[in-house]
C-alpha atoms as a PDB file:
ATOM      1  CA  MET A   1    -176.928 -22.066  78.010  1.00  0.00           C
ATOM      2  CA  LYS A   2    -173.224 -21.401  77.609  1.00  0.00           C
ATOM      3  CA  ASN A   3    -172.726 -24.697  75.762  1.00  0.00           C
ATOM      4  CA  ARG A   4    -175.511 -23.838  73.292  1.00  0.00           C
ATOM      5  CA  LYS A   5    -173.913 -20.446  72.611  1.00  0.00           C
ATOM      6  CA  LEU A   6    -170.559 -22.124  72.005  1.00  0.00           C
ATOM      7  CA  GLU A   7    -172.110 -24.548  69.522  1.00  0.00           C
ATOM      8  CA  LEU A   8    -173.847 -21.727  67.671  1.00  0.00           C
ATOM      9  CA  MET A   9    -170.693 -19.626  67.565  1.00  0.00           C
ATOM     10  CA  SER A  10    -168.554 -22.494  66.288  1.00  0.00           C
ATOM     11  CA  GLY A  11    -171.088 -23.215  63.529  1.00  0.00           C
ATOM     12  CA  VAL A  12    -171.128 -19.583  62.440  1.00  0.00           C
ATOM     13  CA  VAL A  13    -167.321 -19.416  62.370  1.00  0.00           C
ATOM     14  CA  GLN A  14    -167.103 -22.558  60.252  1.00  0.00           C
ATOM     15  CA  ILE A  15    -169.692 -21.290  57.773  1.00  0.00           C
ATOM     16  CA  VAL A  16    -168.005 -17.891  57.452  1.00  0.00           C
ATOM     17  CA  CYS A  17    -164.591 -19.495  56.878  1.00  0.00           C
ATOM     18  CA  SER A  18    -166.077 -21.831  54.281  1.00  0.00           C
ATOM     19  CA  LEU A  19    -167.728 -18.958  52.432  1.00  0.00           C
ATOM     20  CA  ILE A  20    -164.504 -16.946  52.419  1.00  0.00           C
ATOM     21  CA  TRP A  21    -162.517 -19.860  50.994  1.00  0.00           C
ATOM     22  CA  ALA A  22    -165.214 -20.612  48.429  1.00  0.00           C
ATOM     23  CA  ALA A  23    -165.136 -16.992  47.249  1.00  0.00           C
ATOM     24  CA  VAL A  24    -161.335 -16.997  47.030  1.00  0.00           C
ATOM     25  CA  ILE A  25    -161.214 -20.262  45.072  1.00  0.00           C
ATOM     26  CA  LEU A  26    -163.982 -19.205  42.690  1.00  0.00           C
ATOM     27  CA  GLY A  27    -162.312 -15.822  42.174  1.00  0.00           C
ATOM     28  CA  ALA A  28    -158.988 -17.479  41.400  1.00  0.00           C
ATOM     29  CA  ASP A  29    -160.719 -19.815  38.974  1.00  0.00           C
ATOM     30  CA  TYR A  30    -162.461 -16.916  37.239  1.00  0.00           C
ATOM     31  CA  PHE A  31    -159.323 -14.810  36.826  1.00  0.00           C
ATOM     32  CA  LEU A  32    -156.798 -17.569  36.178  1.00  0.00           C
ATOM     33  CA  HIS A  33    -158.672 -20.141  34.099  1.00  0.00           C
ATOM     34  CA  ASP A  34    -156.615 -19.348  30.973  1.00  0.00           C
ATOM     35  CA  SER A  35    -153.348 -18.833  32.826  1.00  0.00           C
ATOM     36  CA  GLU A  36    -150.350 -21.136  32.690  1.00  0.00           C
ATOM     37  CA  GLN A  37    -150.203 -21.052  36.482  1.00  0.00           C
ATOM     38  CA  PHE A  38    -153.815 -22.173  37.002  1.00  0.00           C
ATOM     39  CA  GLU A  39    -153.002 -25.665  38.297  1.00  0.00           C
ATOM     40  CA  THR A  40    -150.333 -24.409  40.680  1.00  0.00           C
ATOM     41  CA  VAL A  41    -152.546 -21.687  42.118  1.00  0.00           C
ATOM     42  CA  MET A  42    -155.514 -24.013  42.528  1.00  0.00           C
ATOM     43  CA  TYR A  43    -153.289 -26.588  44.236  1.00  0.00           C
ATOM     44  CA  LEU A  44    -152.020 -23.964  46.676  1.00  0.00           C
ATOM     45  CA  LEU A  45    -155.538 -22.683  47.372  1.00  0.00           C
ATOM     46  CA  SER A  46    -156.791 -26.206  48.000  1.00  0.00           C
ATOM     47  CA  LEU A  47    -153.896 -26.879  50.325  1.00  0.00           C
ATOM     48  CA  GLY A  48    -154.609 -23.644  52.208  1.00  0.00           C
ATOM     49  CA  ALA A  49    -158.264 -24.567  52.574  1.00  0.00           C
ATOM     50  CA  ALA A  50    -157.375 -27.998  53.934  1.00  0.00           C
ATOM     51  CA  ILE A  51    -154.936 -26.510  56.438  1.00  0.00           C
ATOM     52  CA  ASN A  52    -157.601 -24.015  57.496  1.00  0.00           C
ATOM     53  CA  ILE A  53    -160.117 -26.805  58.087  1.00  0.00           C
ATOM     54  CA  ILE A  54    -157.606 -28.790  60.146  1.00  0.00           C
ATOM     55  CA  GLY A  55    -156.754 -25.687  62.163  1.00  0.00           C
ATOM     56  CA  LEU A  56    -160.398 -24.890  62.854  1.00  0.00           C
ATOM     57  CA  SER A  57    -161.007 -28.475  63.895  1.00  0.00           C
ATOM     58  CA  ALA A  58    -158.139 -28.324  66.365  1.00  0.00           C
ATOM     59  CA  ILE A  59    -159.381 -25.034  67.799  1.00  0.00           C
ATOM     60  CA  PHE A  60    -162.917 -26.294  68.255  1.00  0.00           C
ATOM     61  CA  ALA A  61    -161.709 -29.592  69.716  1.00  0.00           C
ATOM     62  CA  THR A  62    -159.983 -27.697  72.512  1.00  0.00           C
ATOM     63  CA  MET A  63    -163.200 -25.761  73.193  1.00  0.00           C
ATOM     64  CA  LEU A  64    -165.264 -28.898  73.798  1.00  0.00           C
ATOM     65  CA  PRO A  65    -165.990 -29.721  77.418  1.00  0.00           C
ATOM     66  CA  LYS A  66    -163.962 -32.590  78.823  1.00  0.00           C
ATOM     67  CA  SER A  67    -166.153 -35.502  79.908  1.00  0.00           C
END
């Protein structure tokens, strides 16, 4: 039962983080699409999203039961 709860919780956390990053990236695109700094900002946002995904993966890897 505890393992099932952990799987459900990790899935919810990943989906919420993905939705937050999607909203941030789309918002930046909407407000900065005509800006000179568009490419730089989008690069930084993409880098932040990738780091977030790697961090979440590391966190969830430590939560998995050792077999």
